[in-house]
């Protein structure tokens, strides 16, 4: 649904092409003529595709002033971009001066609403990505804090174990157990 489409002159397609659909675009007739004269197989496939999809030999134009070239609607403008720019400037002037028609005003509002929806969709897409990144960072920070706390608990447990082991060895030494062997832990010796 592009407003004005010019096709690159050097664009070429394979002769094996089976489906080609460019309906819904506002073509410049000259660009279609040039394109199809260099890509006749594409023109044939385009007609077949439009016929298959719509049951008609050519697409139905949304603007009554448009003509057809091949299967597609087109507009024959001597200076397509200049003509389009002049028309847009006239619309803008009419709307700003309050002299525009109700149809033009509604069209302008629809275009602005469509543009705003696209902008809002992009914002939401990036907001979602940013929110996901933020959540991942927060989760990472939380996990790092838990890991640090667990590392500290392990370290404290090892220190307490070493202190207890030393205390038990001293107790075994003070008691001077007769049946003590090197393989037994101090706790096993005290239980015996």
Protein backbone atom coordinates (compact mmCIF):
# COMPACT_ATOMS: atom_id res chain seq x y z
CA UNK A 1 0.00 0.00 0.00
CA UNK A 2 2.62 2.48 -1.04
CA UNK A 3 1.47 5.83 -2.41
CA UNK A 4 3.97 6.17 -5.26
CA UNK A 5 6.20 3.38 -6.48
CA UNK A 6 9.05 3.64 -8.94
CA UNK A 7 10.77 0.40 -9.92
CA UNK A 8 14.54 0.25 -10.28
CA UNK A 9 15.40 0.04 -13.97
CA UNK A 10 18.12 -2.57 -13.47
CA UNK A 11 15.83 -4.97 -11.58
CA UNK A 12 15.68 -8.40 -13.29
CA UNK A 13 13.92 -11.64 -12.38
CA UNK A 14 14.44 -15.30 -13.18
CA UNK A 15 12.61 -16.80 -16.14
CA UNK A 16 11.45 -19.55 -13.74
CA UNK A 17 9.31 -17.11 -11.73
CA UNK A 18 5.86 -18.58 -10.98
CA UNK A 19 4.18 -15.98 -8.72
CA UNK A 20 4.44 -12.18 -8.80
CA UNK A 21 2.06 -9.87 -6.90
CA UNK A 22 2.46 -6.12 -6.48
CA UNK A 23 -1.21 -5.22 -6.02
CA UNK A 24 -2.20 -2.33 -3.77
CA UNK A 25 0.64 0.03 -4.71
CA UNK A 26 0.33 3.34 -6.54
CA UNK A 27 2.69 2.84 -9.46
CA UNK A 28 4.00 5.40 -11.87
CA UNK A 29 2.93 4.05 -15.30
CA UNK A 30 6.28 4.87 -16.90
CA UNK A 31 8.16 2.73 -14.42
CA UNK A 32 5.81 -0.22 -15.03
CA UNK A 33 6.23 0.12 -18.81
CA UNK A 34 10.04 0.16 -18.49
CA UNK A 35 10.05 -2.72 -16.02
CA UNK A 36 7.73 -4.99 -18.01
CA UNK A 37 9.47 -4.24 -21.32
CA UNK A 38 12.67 -5.69 -19.82
CA UNK A 39 10.90 -8.46 -17.89
CA UNK A 40 8.17 -9.80 -20.19
CA UNK A 41 8.00 -13.12 -18.36
CA UNK A 42 7.25 -11.21 -15.14
CA UNK A 43 4.40 -9.34 -16.87
CA UNK A 44 2.85 -12.64 -17.95
CA UNK A 45 3.26 -14.15 -14.47
CA UNK A 46 1.84 -10.97 -12.86
CA UNK A 47 -1.29 -11.15 -15.02
CA UNK A 48 -1.72 -14.85 -14.17
CA UNK A 49 -1.23 -14.15 -10.45
CA UNK A 50 -3.77 -11.30 -10.39
CA UNK A 51 -6.25 -13.45 -12.35
CA UNK A 52 -5.73 -16.35 -9.94
CA UNK A 53 -6.11 -14.17 -6.82
CA UNK A 54 -8.93 -11.85 -7.92
CA UNK A 55 -10.62 -13.61 -10.82
CA UNK A 56 -10.03 -10.47 -12.91
CA UNK A 57 -7.41 -9.64 -15.54
CA UNK A 58 -6.29 -6.53 -13.67
CA UNK A 59 -6.45 -5.24 -10.13
CA UNK A 60 -9.30 -2.95 -9.11
CA UNK A 61 -8.02 0.60 -8.65
CA UNK A 62 -8.99 2.38 -5.44
CA UNK A 63 -8.70 5.81 -7.09
CA UNK A 64 -10.88 6.30 -10.18
CA UNK A 65 -8.31 8.53 -11.93
CA UNK A 66 -5.75 5.74 -12.08
CA UNK A 67 -5.13 3.82 -15.27
CA UNK A 68 -3.70 0.34 -15.80
CA UNK A 69 -0.51 -1.00 -17.22
CA UNK A 70 -0.44 -4.75 -17.38
CA UNK A 71 -2.37 -6.05 -14.38
CA UNK A 72 -1.61 -3.12 -12.09
CA UNK A 73 -3.10 0.30 -11.42
CA UNK A 74 -0.83 3.18 -12.24
CA UNK A 75 -0.75 6.93 -12.59
CA UNK A 76 0.89 8.63 -15.55
CA UNK A 77 2.62 11.69 -14.15
CA UNK A 78 5.27 13.72 -15.99
CA UNK A 79 7.10 14.46 -12.73
CA UNK A 80 5.74 11.99 -10.18
CA UNK A 81 7.44 13.29 -7.08
CA UNK A 82 6.94 16.95 -7.95
CA UNK A 83 3.24 16.40 -8.72
CA UNK A 84 2.79 14.48 -5.49
CA UNK A 85 4.63 17.12 -3.46
CA UNK A 86 2.56 19.94 -4.97
CA UNK A 87 -0.66 18.04 -4.19
CA UNK A 88 0.46 17.44 -0.61
CA UNK A 89 1.42 21.09 -0.17
CA UNK A 90 -2.00 22.15 -1.47
CA UNK A 91 -3.69 19.80 1.00
CA UNK A 92 -1.53 21.07 3.84
CA UNK A 93 -2.28 24.71 2.97
CA UNK A 94 -6.00 24.01 2.67
CA UNK A 95 -6.07 22.18 6.00
CA UNK A 96 -4.05 24.82 7.82
CA UNK A 97 -6.10 27.68 6.39
CA UNK A 98 -9.34 25.87 7.24
CA UNK A 99 -10.44 25.64 3.60
CA UNK A 100 -9.86 21.93 3.12
CA UNK A 101 -12.68 19.60 2.35
CA UNK A 102 -14.07 17.29 4.98
CA UNK A 103 -12.81 14.31 2.97
CA UNK A 104 -9.25 15.66 2.94
CA UNK A 105 -9.41 16.39 6.67
CA UNK A 106 -10.63 12.85 7.40
CA UNK A 107 -7.96 11.35 5.14
CA UNK A 108 -5.30 13.39 6.92
CA UNK A 109 -6.61 12.27 10.31
CA UNK A 110 -6.62 8.60 9.19
CA UNK A 111 -3.04 8.89 7.95
CA UNK A 112 -1.95 10.55 11.19
CA UNK A 113 -3.72 7.90 13.27
CA UNK A 114 -2.13 5.10 11.22
CA UNK A 115 1.29 6.73 11.59
CA UNK A 116 0.72 7.16 15.34
CA UNK A 117 -0.28 3.48 15.69
CA UNK A 118 2.94 2.44 13.93
CA UNK A 119 4.98 4.71 16.21
CA UNK A 120 3.18 3.36 19.30
CA UNK A 121 3.79 -0.23 18.15
CA UNK A 122 7.51 0.50 17.73
CA UNK A 123 7.67 2.17 21.15
CA UNK A 124 5.91 -0.81 22.74
CA UNK A 125 8.25 -3.24 20.99
CA UNK A 126 11.33 -1.44 22.28
CA UNK A 127 9.77 -0.88 25.72
CA UNK A 128 9.18 -4.63 25.97
CA UNK A 129 12.81 -5.32 25.02
CA UNK A 130 14.04 -2.74 27.55
CA UNK A 131 11.77 -4.18 30.27
CA UNK A 132 13.10 -7.68 29.58
CA UNK A 133 16.70 -6.46 29.74
CA UNK A 134 15.98 -4.63 33.01
CA UNK A 135 14.37 -7.74 34.51
CA UNK A 136 17.37 -9.86 33.49
CA UNK A 137 19.77 -7.37 35.08
CA UNK A 138 17.72 -7.31 38.29
CA UNK A 139 17.62 -11.12 38.38
CA UNK A 140 21.38 -11.24 37.83
CA UNK A 141 21.99 -8.82 40.71
CA UNK A 142 19.70 -10.86 43.00
CA UNK A 143 21.47 -14.11 42.08
CA UNK A 144 24.89 -12.53 42.65
CA UNK A 145 23.77 -11.35 46.12
CA UNK A 146 22.46 -14.84 46.99
CA UNK A 147 25.71 -16.42 45.76
CA UNK A 148 27.76 -14.01 47.88
CA UNK A 149 25.63 -14.80 50.97
CA UNK A 150 25.98 -18.56 50.37
CA UNK A 151 29.76 -18.23 49.84
CA UNK A 152 29.97 -16.38 53.15
CA UNK A 153 27.92 -19.09 54.91
CA UNK A 154 30.20 -21.80 53.50
CA UNK A 155 33.28 -19.85 54.61
CA UNK A 156 31.85 -19.36 58.13
CA UNK A 157 30.93 -23.06 58.31
CA UNK A 158 34.49 -24.07 57.34
CA UNK A 159 35.97 -21.74 59.97
CA UNK A 160 33.59 -23.12 62.63
CA UNK A 161 34.46 -26.68 61.58
CA UNK A 162 38.18 -25.97 61.80
CA UNK A 163 37.78 -24.37 65.26
CA UNK A 164 35.68 -27.29 66.50
CA UNK A 165 38.18 -29.80 65.09
CA UNK A 166 41.02 -28.00 66.90
CA UNK A 167 39.05 -27.92 70.17
CA UNK A 168 38.25 -31.62 69.89
CA UNK A 169 41.90 -32.48 69.25
CA UNK A 170 42.91 -30.54 72.35
CA UNK A 171 40.25 -32.35 74.38
CA UNK A 172 41.50 -35.72 73.13
CA UNK A 173 45.05 -34.72 74.00
CA UNK A 174 44.06 -33.69 77.53
CA UNK A 175 42.15 -36.89 78.15
CA UNK A 176 45.02 -39.02 76.89
CA UNK A 177 42.91 -41.83 75.56
CA UNK A 178 44.74 -45.12 75.51
CA UNK A 179 42.97 -46.69 72.54
CA UNK A 180 43.33 -43.63 70.20
CA UNK A 181 44.60 -44.19 66.68
CA UNK A 182 45.60 -41.67 64.03
CA UNK A 183 42.79 -42.71 61.63
CA UNK A 184 40.01 -41.86 64.07
CA UNK A 185 38.55 -38.39 64.17
CA UNK A 186 38.56 -36.54 67.50
CA UNK A 187 34.77 -36.84 67.67
CA UNK A 188 34.95 -40.64 67.27
CA UNK A 189 37.54 -40.79 70.05
CA UNK A 190 35.36 -38.80 72.46
CA UNK A 191 32.39 -41.05 71.77
CA UNK A 192 34.42 -44.15 72.52
